[in-house]
Protein backbone atom coordinates (compact mmCIF):
# COMPACT_ATOMS: atom_id res chain seq x y z
CA MET A 1 113.89 34.32 88.70
CA ASP A 2 117.53 34.09 89.50
CA ASP A 3 118.83 30.77 89.78
CA ASN A 4 121.60 32.33 92.27
CA ALA A 5 119.23 34.42 94.54
CA PRO A 6 119.34 34.16 98.05
CA GLY A 7 116.64 31.34 98.97
CA THR A 8 116.84 29.64 95.64
CA ILE A 9 120.16 28.22 95.37
CA ARG A 10 120.47 24.52 94.64
CA LEU A 11 122.47 22.31 96.45
CA SER A 12 123.59 20.54 93.42
CA SER A 13 124.36 23.72 91.15
CA ALA A 14 128.28 25.30 91.35
CA THR A 15 126.84 28.48 93.17
CA GLY A 16 125.23 25.94 95.89
CA ARG A 17 128.99 24.06 96.18
CA TRP A 18 130.98 27.04 96.46
CA VAL A 19 128.45 28.35 99.17
CA ILE A 20 129.33 24.99 101.40
CA ALA A 21 132.85 24.90 100.20
CA THR A 22 133.01 28.99 101.70
CA THR A 23 131.10 28.47 104.72
CA VAL A 24 132.78 25.22 105.81
CA LEU A 25 136.30 26.31 105.02
CA GLY A 26 135.45 29.72 107.38
CA SER A 27 133.81 28.29 110.14
CA SER A 28 136.24 25.31 110.10
CA MET A 29 138.69 28.14 110.91
CA ALA A 30 137.32 28.36 114.00
CA LEU A 31 136.13 24.93 114.83
CA LEU A 32 139.43 24.05 114.43
CA ASP A 33 140.82 26.68 116.29
CA SER A 34 139.02 25.11 119.44
CA THR A 35 140.16 21.58 119.09
CA ILE A 36 143.64 21.73 117.49
CA VAL A 37 144.86 24.31 120.76
CA ASN A 38 144.43 21.61 123.19
CA VAL A 39 146.75 19.21 121.71
CA ALA A 40 149.52 21.88 121.94
CA LEU A 41 148.54 22.84 125.51
CA PRO A 42 151.67 20.65 127.23
CA ARG A 43 154.18 22.05 124.87
CA ILE A 44 153.20 25.61 125.51
CA GLY A 45 152.96 25.68 129.20
CA ARG A 46 156.31 24.03 128.96
CA ASP A 47 157.53 26.87 126.95
CA LEU A 48 155.73 29.24 128.33
CA ASN A 49 156.35 28.11 132.08
CA ALA A 50 153.01 28.29 132.68
CA ASP A 51 150.45 26.64 135.41
CA VAL A 52 147.16 25.12 134.92
CA ALA A 53 145.51 28.47 135.33
CA LEU A 54 147.25 30.06 132.39
CA LEU A 55 146.38 26.81 129.85
CA GLN A 56 142.83 27.58 130.95
CA TRP A 57 143.27 31.33 130.24
CA ILE A 58 144.74 29.88 126.49
CA VAL A 59 141.83 28.48 125.53
CA ASN A 60 139.27 30.83 127.33
CA ALA A 61 140.23 33.75 126.18
CA TYR A 62 139.52 32.80 122.99
CA THR A 63 136.00 31.16 123.71
CA LEU A 64 134.90 34.61 126.01
CA THR A 65 134.75 36.99 123.25
CA LEU A 66 133.68 34.31 120.47
CA ALA A 67 130.73 33.92 123.40
CA GLY A 68 130.39 37.42 124.53
CA LEU A 69 129.98 39.09 121.26
CA ILE A 70 128.49 36.24 118.77
CA LEU A 71 124.88 37.42 119.33
CA LEU A 72 126.46 40.93 117.75
CA GLY A 73 127.90 39.51 114.88
CA GLY A 74 125.00 38.07 113.84
CA ALA A 75 123.41 40.88 114.10
CA LEU A 76 125.59 42.66 112.44
CA GLY A 77 125.37 40.22 109.39
CA ASP A 78 121.65 40.43 109.30
CA HIS A 79 122.07 44.15 109.06
CA LEU A 80 125.23 44.63 106.86
CA GLY A 81 124.94 41.55 105.09
CA ARG A 82 125.76 38.14 106.06
CA ARG A 83 128.78 37.74 103.55
CA ARG A 84 129.93 41.41 104.28
CA ILE A 85 130.78 40.22 108.09
CA PHE A 86 131.85 36.66 107.35
CA VAL A 87 134.32 38.37 105.31
CA VAL A 88 135.35 40.73 107.97
CA GLY A 89 135.53 38.06 110.67
CA VAL A 90 137.67 36.14 108.52
CA VAL A 91 140.59 38.27 107.95
CA TRP A 92 140.01 39.65 111.24
CA PHE A 93 140.13 35.68 112.45
CA ALA A 94 144.00 35.52 110.66
CA ALA A 95 145.17 39.10 111.47
CA GLY A 96 144.93 37.73 115.51
CA SER A 97 145.83 34.29 114.35
CA LEU A 98 149.28 35.85 112.76
CA LEU A 99 149.87 37.39 116.08
CA CYS A 100 149.39 34.33 118.18
CA GLY A 101 152.18 32.79 115.90
CA VAL A 102 154.63 35.75 116.50
CA THR A 103 154.05 36.13 120.40
CA PRO A 104 156.93 37.37 122.47
CA ASP A 105 154.93 36.00 125.64
CA ASP A 106 151.99 34.12 127.36
CA VAL A 107 150.12 37.75 127.83
CA VAL A 108 150.54 38.36 124.45
CA LEU A 109 149.02 35.18 123.67
CA VAL A 110 146.11 35.71 125.48
CA LEU A 111 145.65 39.30 124.27
CA ALA A 112 145.65 38.01 120.93
CA ARG A 113 143.39 34.94 121.34
CA ALA A 114 141.12 37.29 122.62
CA LEU A 115 141.19 39.02 119.46
CA GLN A 116 140.69 35.33 117.50
CA GLY A 117 137.53 35.22 119.39
CA ILE A 118 136.54 38.44 118.35
CA GLY A 119 136.69 37.50 114.57
CA GLY A 120 135.54 34.23 115.46
CA ALA A 121 132.40 35.90 116.69
CA LEU A 122 131.83 37.65 113.34
CA LEU A 123 132.34 34.96 110.84
CA THR A 124 130.49 31.77 112.54
CA PRO A 125 127.21 32.83 112.97
CA GLY A 126 127.17 34.20 109.42
CA SER A 127 128.33 30.59 107.95
CA LEU A 128 124.90 29.22 108.88
CA ALA A 129 123.12 32.12 108.45
CA LEU A 130 124.76 32.23 104.63
CA ILE A 131 123.44 28.72 104.27
CA GLN A 132 120.01 29.07 105.82
CA ALA A 133 119.42 32.09 103.40
CA SER A 134 120.90 30.80 100.57
CA PHE A 135 119.49 27.24 99.49
CA HIS A 136 116.05 26.77 98.62
CA PRO A 137 113.85 25.19 101.06
CA ASP A 138 113.94 21.73 100.00
CA ASP A 139 117.56 21.70 100.02
CA ARG A 140 118.52 22.93 103.63
CA SER A 141 118.40 19.76 105.36
CA ARG A 142 121.03 18.47 103.32
CA ALA A 143 122.78 22.14 103.37
CA VAL A 144 122.66 21.59 107.11
CA GLY A 145 124.11 18.07 107.42
CA LEU A 146 127.11 19.19 105.32
CA TRP A 147 127.78 22.26 106.83
CA SER A 148 127.54 20.25 110.36
CA GLY A 149 129.35 17.37 109.11
CA LEU A 150 132.19 18.78 107.53
CA GLY A 151 132.35 21.44 110.03
CA GLY A 152 132.81 18.85 113.00
CA VAL A 153 135.60 16.97 110.51
CA GLY A 154 137.08 20.34 110.63
CA ALA A 155 137.00 20.73 114.76
CA ALA A 156 137.67 16.83 115.07
CA ILE A 157 140.49 16.47 112.91
CA GLY A 158 142.20 19.37 114.79
CA PRO A 159 144.09 17.25 117.25
CA PHE A 160 145.46 15.34 114.76
CA VAL A 161 147.10 18.56 112.95
CA GLY A 162 148.05 20.45 115.98
CA GLY A 163 150.04 17.05 117.27
CA TRP A 164 151.48 17.24 113.09
CA LEU A 165 152.51 21.11 113.72
CA VAL A 166 153.69 20.64 117.74
CA ASP A 167 156.02 17.58 116.82
CA GLY A 168 157.07 19.67 113.50
CA PRO A 169 157.78 23.10 112.71
CA GLY A 170 156.69 23.94 116.34
CA TRP A 171 153.26 25.06 118.33
CA ARG A 172 153.26 28.28 116.41
CA TRP A 173 152.40 27.07 113.53
CA VAL A 174 149.51 25.98 115.28
CA PHE A 175 147.81 29.69 114.83
CA LEU A 176 149.90 30.56 111.63
CA LEU A 177 147.84 27.52 109.63
CA ASN A 178 145.05 29.76 109.97
CA VAL A 179 146.47 32.59 107.39
CA PRO A 180 146.99 30.84 104.26
CA LEU A 181 143.38 29.48 104.99
CA ALA A 182 141.90 32.93 105.04
CA LEU A 183 143.95 33.93 101.37
CA VAL A 184 141.63 30.85 99.92
CA CYS A 185 138.17 31.84 101.47
CA VAL A 186 138.42 35.54 101.09
CA PRO A 187 138.60 35.50 97.16
CA ILE A 188 135.62 32.55 96.81
CA ALA A 189 133.24 34.52 99.31
CA LEU A 190 133.59 37.36 97.73
CA ARG A 191 133.31 36.31 93.76
CA HIS A 192 130.34 33.15 94.92
CA VAL A 193 128.55 33.53 97.60
CA PRO A 194 125.52 35.85 96.98
CA GLU A 195 124.88 38.51 99.72
CA SER A 196 121.72 38.44 102.10
CA ARG A 197 120.26 40.47 104.99
CA ASP A 198 117.61 40.52 107.03
CA PRO A 199 115.04 43.19 105.64
CA THR A 200 113.44 44.17 108.93
CA SER A 201 116.80 45.06 110.72
CA THR A 202 116.68 48.55 112.08
CA GLY A 203 120.77 49.11 112.19
CA ARG A 204 120.51 49.93 116.00
CA PHE A 205 122.83 47.78 117.98
CA ASP A 206 122.79 46.73 121.44
CA ILE A 207 125.95 47.81 122.73
CA LEU A 208 124.93 47.69 126.42
CA GLY A 209 123.52 44.11 125.91
CA ALA A 210 126.82 43.13 124.64
CA ALA A 211 129.13 44.99 127.02
CA LEU A 212 126.58 43.51 129.93
CA GLY A 213 127.13 40.09 128.69
CA ALA A 214 130.41 39.89 127.63
CA ALA A 215 131.20 41.33 131.45
CA ALA A 216 129.37 38.33 133.27
CA LEU A 217 131.34 35.62 131.40
CA VAL A 218 134.51 37.44 132.33
CA LEU A 219 133.79 37.51 135.91
CA VAL A 220 132.66 34.47 136.26
CA THR A 221 135.18 32.61 134.29
CA TYR A 222 138.07 34.71 136.35
CA SER A 223 135.86 33.39 139.49
CA LEU A 224 136.09 30.14 138.30
CA ILE A 225 139.95 30.12 137.40
CA GLY A 226 141.38 32.32 140.19
CA ARG A 227 138.53 30.91 142.60
CA HIS A 228 137.77 34.58 143.96
CA ALA A 229 134.18 34.52 144.85
CA TRP A 230 133.86 38.12 144.52
CA ALA A 231 133.99 37.43 141.10
CA GLY A 232 131.47 34.89 140.84
CA LEU A 233 129.30 37.21 142.45
CA ALA A 234 129.49 40.42 140.26
CA GLY A 235 129.33 37.73 137.28
CA ILE A 236 125.52 37.03 138.63
CA LEU A 237 125.09 40.25 139.07
CA ALA A 238 125.99 41.47 135.57
CA GLY A 239 124.02 38.54 134.38
CA ALA A 240 121.37 39.50 136.23
CA ALA A 241 121.42 43.03 134.78
CA PHE A 242 121.53 41.88 131.04
CA ILE A 243 118.49 39.61 131.55
CA ARG A 244 116.65 42.99 132.60
CA VAL A 245 118.13 44.96 129.71
CA GLU A 246 117.01 42.24 127.25
CA ARG A 247 113.60 42.29 128.17
CA ARG A 248 113.13 46.25 128.06
CA ARG A 249 115.14 47.07 124.64
CA PRO A 250 113.22 47.49 121.75
CA ASN A 251 116.93 46.45 120.01
CA ALA A 252 117.60 43.62 122.10
CA MET A 253 120.27 41.24 121.63
CA LEU A 254 119.08 38.85 122.73
CA PRO A 255 115.19 39.43 121.89
CA PRO A 256 112.96 37.54 124.13
CA SER A 257 110.63 36.64 121.27
CA LEU A 258 113.10 34.01 120.65
CA PHE A 259 112.96 31.79 123.70
CA ARG A 260 108.38 31.95 123.08
CA SER A 261 109.09 29.07 120.45
CA ARG A 262 109.58 25.88 123.19
CA LEU A 263 111.42 24.18 120.91
CA PHE A 264 114.07 26.96 120.84
CA THR A 265 114.42 27.00 123.96
CA SER A 266 114.41 23.03 124.95
CA VAL A 267 117.53 22.73 122.35
CA ASN A 268 119.24 25.38 123.67
CA LEU A 269 118.96 24.00 127.13
CA VAL A 270 120.18 20.45 125.44
CA THR A 271 122.65 22.80 124.26
CA VAL A 272 124.02 23.72 127.36
CA CYS A 273 125.10 19.95 128.25
CA VAL A 274 126.18 19.14 125.27
CA TYR A 275 128.37 21.22 124.87
CA ALA A 276 130.18 21.85 128.38
CA ALA A 277 130.77 17.65 128.18
CA PHE A 278 132.96 19.05 124.81
CA GLY A 279 134.76 21.56 125.84
CA GLY A 280 135.35 19.44 129.16
CA PHE A 281 136.60 16.12 127.12
CA PHE A 282 138.49 17.95 124.49
CA PHE A 283 140.48 19.83 127.26
CA PHE A 284 141.05 17.11 129.09
CA VAL A 285 141.74 13.85 126.99
CA ALA A 286 144.50 15.49 125.14
CA LEU A 287 146.11 16.27 128.25
CA GLN A 288 145.46 12.60 129.62
CA LEU A 289 147.35 11.01 126.27
CA GLN A 290 150.42 12.95 126.88
CA VAL A 291 150.85 13.46 130.72
CA VAL A 292 149.72 9.91 131.41
CA ALA A 293 149.79 7.89 128.72
CA GLY A 294 153.09 9.30 127.33
CA TYR A 295 151.98 9.95 123.92
CA SER A 296 153.60 12.77 121.42
CA PRO A 297 151.58 15.62 120.57
CA PHE A 298 151.51 13.43 116.80
CA LYS A 299 149.94 10.20 118.34
CA ALA A 300 147.50 11.43 121.30
CA GLY A 301 146.14 13.64 118.13
CA ILE A 302 146.29 10.95 115.35
CA SER A 303 144.11 8.60 118.15
CA LEU A 304 141.63 10.93 117.92
CA LEU A 305 140.94 10.79 114.30
CA PRO A 306 137.85 8.11 114.57
CA THR A 307 135.82 10.73 115.39
CA THR A 308 136.56 12.51 112.07
CA ALA A 309 135.70 9.31 110.29
CA LEU A 310 132.26 8.87 111.59
CA LEU A 311 131.62 12.67 111.52
CA LEU A 312 133.13 12.47 107.53
CA LEU A 313 130.32 9.48 106.93
CA PHE A 314 127.78 9.94 108.65
CA SER A 315 126.65 13.73 109.59
CA ALA A 316 124.62 14.13 106.36
CA LYS A 317 122.43 11.17 106.82
CA SER A 318 121.82 12.00 110.23
CA GLY A 319 120.93 15.70 109.19
CA GLN A 320 117.94 13.74 107.33
CA LEU A 321 117.16 10.70 109.51
CA GLY A 322 116.51 13.68 112.16
CA GLU A 323 113.84 15.37 109.42
CA ARG A 324 112.04 11.75 109.24
CA LEU A 325 112.01 11.60 113.08
CA GLY A 326 111.90 14.43 114.49
CA PRO A 327 114.57 15.95 116.91
CA ARG A 328 113.66 14.14 120.43
CA ILE A 329 115.07 10.73 119.22
CA PRO A 330 118.56 12.11 118.46
CA LEU A 331 118.51 14.50 120.74
CA THR A 332 117.77 11.67 123.62
CA VAL A 333 120.18 9.08 122.32
CA GLY A 334 123.12 10.99 121.02
CA PRO A 335 124.13 12.65 124.63
CA LEU A 336 123.85 8.67 125.96
CA PHE A 337 126.30 7.32 123.78
CA SER A 338 128.44 10.12 124.34
CA ALA A 339 128.31 9.96 127.90
CA ALA A 340 129.09 5.90 127.76
CA GLY A 341 132.49 7.31 125.75
CA LEU A 342 133.54 9.71 128.60
CA LEU A 343 133.40 6.59 130.55
CA LEU A 344 135.13 4.40 128.39
CA ILE A 345 137.90 6.83 128.40
CA LEU A 346 138.72 6.20 131.82
CA ARG A 347 140.14 3.18 130.69
CA VAL A 348 143.38 5.28 129.51
CA GLY A 349 146.48 5.33 131.90
CA PRO A 350 149.70 5.14 132.50
CA HIS A 351 149.90 1.13 130.36
CA THR A 352 147.10 1.95 127.58
CA SER A 353 146.35 -0.18 124.89
CA TYR A 354 144.99 2.00 121.60
CA PRO A 355 143.38 -0.66 120.27
CA ALA A 356 141.39 -2.33 123.67
CA ASP A 357 141.38 1.34 125.44
CA VAL A 358 141.01 4.34 123.31
CA LEU A 359 139.55 3.16 120.48
CA PRO A 360 136.48 1.88 121.54
CA ALA A 361 136.06 4.79 123.66
CA LEU A 362 135.94 7.39 120.66
CA LEU A 363 134.07 4.89 118.22
CA VAL A 364 131.16 5.14 121.10
CA MET A 365 131.96 8.70 121.93
CA GLY A 366 131.74 9.80 118.25
CA LEU A 367 128.78 7.81 117.43
CA GLY A 368 127.10 10.13 119.86
CA MET A 369 128.20 12.82 118.19
CA VAL A 370 127.44 12.25 114.73
CA THR A 371 123.06 11.60 116.46
CA LEU A 372 123.10 14.65 117.46
CA VAL A 373 125.28 17.03 115.77
CA ALA A 374 123.24 17.81 112.61
CA PRO A 375 120.10 17.64 113.93
CA LEU A 376 120.79 19.80 116.96
CA THR A 377 121.97 22.44 114.25
CA ALA A 378 118.96 22.13 112.19
CA THR A 379 116.21 21.87 115.12
CA VAL A 380 117.59 25.34 116.24
CA LEU A 381 117.41 27.01 112.66
CA ALA A 382 113.95 25.42 112.03
CA SER A 383 112.21 27.07 114.79
CA VAL A 384 112.78 30.39 113.44
CA ASP A 385 112.10 32.36 109.76
CA THR A 386 114.76 32.73 107.71
CA ALA A 387 115.38 36.44 108.38
CA HIS A 388 115.68 35.47 111.89
CA ALA A 389 118.70 33.15 110.80
CA GLY A 390 121.65 35.13 111.86
CA ILE A 391 120.20 35.87 115.54
CA ALA A 392 118.97 32.18 116.24
CA SER A 393 122.85 30.87 115.01
CA GLY A 394 124.06 33.12 117.31
CA VAL A 395 121.92 32.54 120.11
CA ASN A 396 122.87 28.64 119.75
CA ASN A 397 126.52 29.80 118.76
CA ALA A 398 126.69 31.37 121.93
CA VAL A 399 124.66 29.20 124.46
CA ALA A 400 127.56 26.37 123.43
CA ARG A 401 130.60 28.45 123.34
CA ALA A 402 129.71 29.86 126.75
CA ALA A 403 128.85 26.35 128.29
CA GLY A 404 132.49 24.86 126.84
CA LEU A 405 134.12 27.98 128.51
CA LEU A 406 132.15 27.33 131.52
CA ALA A 407 133.57 23.96 131.75
CA VAL A 408 136.93 24.27 131.18
CA ALA A 409 137.05 27.00 133.76
CA ALA A 410 134.91 24.86 136.57
CA LEU A 411 136.21 20.97 135.63
CA PRO A 412 139.81 22.02 137.00
CA LEU A 413 138.24 23.31 140.33
CA LEU A 414 135.62 20.70 140.90
CA ALA A 415 138.48 17.55 139.84
CA GLY A 416 141.04 18.99 142.34
CA ALA A 417 143.79 20.12 139.93
CA GLY A 418 146.46 21.77 141.52
CA PRO A 419 148.44 24.43 139.85
CA LEU A 420 151.25 22.07 138.16
CA ALA A 421 149.06 19.06 137.70
CA TYR A 422 149.90 18.60 134.03
CA ARG A 423 153.01 18.29 134.57
CA SER A 424 152.91 15.21 137.12
CA ALA A 425 151.19 12.21 135.62
CA THR A 426 150.04 10.58 138.79
CA GLN A 427 148.62 14.06 140.07
CA PHE A 428 146.57 14.29 136.70
CA ASN A 429 145.30 10.59 136.01
CA GLY A 430 143.21 11.23 139.52
CA VAL A 431 141.86 14.70 137.86
CA PHE A 432 141.23 13.15 134.93
CA HIS A 433 139.13 10.00 136.93
CA ARG A 434 137.41 12.77 138.42
CA ALA A 435 136.85 14.84 135.80
CA MET A 436 135.19 12.28 132.93
CA PRO A 437 132.33 11.02 135.23
CA ILE A 438 131.21 15.02 135.48
CA CYS A 439 131.10 15.50 132.09
CA ALA A 440 129.16 11.90 131.81
CA GLY A 441 126.88 13.35 134.11
CA VAL A 442 126.43 16.40 132.59
CA LEU A 443 125.34 14.76 128.81
CA VAL A 444 122.51 12.27 130.80
CA VAL A 445 121.08 15.65 132.07
CA GLY A 446 120.69 16.87 128.29
CA SER A 447 119.50 13.17 127.56
CA LEU A 448 116.62 13.54 130.32
CA THR A 449 116.31 17.39 129.08
CA ALA A 450 115.84 16.08 125.60
CA ALA A 451 112.84 13.61 126.33
CA TRP A 452 111.38 15.85 128.64
CA LEU A 453 111.09 18.82 126.78
CA VAL A 454 111.49 18.52 122.72
CA ARG A 455 108.32 17.43 120.86
CA LYS A 456 108.02 17.27 117.02
CA PRO A 457 106.05 20.22 116.19
CA GLU A 458 102.86 20.14 113.98
CA LEU A 459 103.61 20.16 110.61
CA ALA A 460 102.44 23.84 109.37
CA GLY A 461 100.65 22.27 106.33
CA LYS A 462 98.06 20.80 108.59
CA ALA A 463 97.14 24.45 109.43
CA GLN A 464 97.90 25.73 106.24
CA PRO A 465 97.15 23.40 103.40
CA GLU A 466 98.64 25.11 100.64
CA CYS A 467 102.09 25.52 102.18
CA LYS A 468 103.86 22.24 100.39
CA VAL A 469 107.84 23.86 101.53
CA CYS A 470 108.77 23.20 104.82
CA CYS A 471 111.90 23.21 106.56
CA THR A 472 114.09 20.86 108.76
CA VAL A 473 112.05 18.98 111.13
CA HIS A 474 108.63 20.40 110.02
CA ALA A 475 108.98 23.82 111.06
CA PRO A 476 106.41 26.55 109.87
CA PRO A 477 107.28 27.19 106.33
CA LEU A 478 110.44 29.58 105.32
CA GLU A 479 109.69 31.07 102.37
CA ALA A 480 107.82 30.72 98.96
CA GLN A 481 106.36 33.33 96.57
CA HIS A 482 105.20 36.62 97.64
CA GLY A 483 101.35 36.95 98.33
CA ARG A 484 100.69 33.10 99.28
CA PRO A 485 98.84 32.73 102.75
CA GLY A 486 101.31 31.52 105.55
CA ARG A 487 104.64 32.23 103.55
CA THR A 488 107.25 34.69 103.92
CA PRO A 489 108.67 36.10 100.87
CA PRO A 490 112.41 35.43 99.77
CA LEU A 491 115.32 37.21 101.13
CA GLU A 492 116.13 40.04 98.48
CA PRO A 493 119.83 40.52 97.84
CA LEU A 494 121.58 43.25 98.32
CA PRO A 495 122.41 45.98 95.66
CA PRO A 496 126.12 45.93 94.18
CA GLU A 497 128.47 48.35 96.02
CA GLU A 498 129.36 51.14 94.26
């Protein structure tokens, strides 16, 4: 057997290390961009004479296309080759980043951010699906933990890198940074990462479903930011049409069969709560530190580094602990820690002390993130078979991005933010103190949802005692040898291109 074939790669091998490095680097581009821009928002707003609504669109134009098309990106990877679509996504993302960096005005910047989101929709599900399809089942838990931890570090260092760039060469370099990262990532992927795909994929793509899902997100977001009731109603109707279409189409972008798994459904409900709160936190805290506490972009960015350190040190261990304990405990406890951190961050104000006010909140917040992120990701993948890793990853990523998107769109409205609130320390401080308790409450709902709905599934070996290989959190076996009862054969590599 080829030791570099999909499903056989060991984490300790050179190929395994290359797969981790490539997928982390690629996915970190998308994750980094989700947080790095937040630190740059006040400077971008002043340079482009923007109001709060435009700042929301700079964030949400990216998240809209990412969330709306990520399911299609996962399906394309399953059929055409996960490595191939991943590489296309990295190149596309870099091109959108280049356009953001040279933008002449706010309109082009928002459009370029939407292009970035398309690239992110192609590379993000592919990165995690490559992990799940490439590694030997015994190493998947550790591989997912490393991917989650190192990818989380990529997102967490975004504020630090963004602040350094904004204070140095300027906010445009926040986007231009992605170009050299892509130039490193693409050659490594083409040379060292094996290709894989879903052998049952038909090649028929749900374009209508993708269009309706994206339309629903666009209209609801436009309704919340622009405060237009008609757009919200139209978005709800588009969402209802999306659900109806997906139930009836044989090649549905969002297969209803995935949600027959109670575990998959439950964890995605937790994902909604967790990532809505995280999206609101990262959007508001970068502004609060600069507008109210008077921090420079660099100081605001470096202030958030404790969460990076916690993710770097403990995410892999958290994945292993989640495997032993099952998903219920970490998904119940983690959101509560994060909620406590959000309430502690309310101490940040005009006369903030970093050791007394900022640091304790970030440590508690980071502890919650470490506790829940890796087990959540591993549990989503464990609830489906390897052949559907791409679409399962796409669904969970779409849920996470859509939750963050709607939070950024809705929170300024719920917190009473005026058009120019971010230019007044007094006004924005009031907005911040109304927004963070809302985010904390959403995290508590996520914790209660996990405690109520998430259960540790029975070991597959109890029903099929001959099976010895099980994936994360003891879901049914993902792969083994051909011809053995209860086991799915390994994915076949794609033939070399002509």
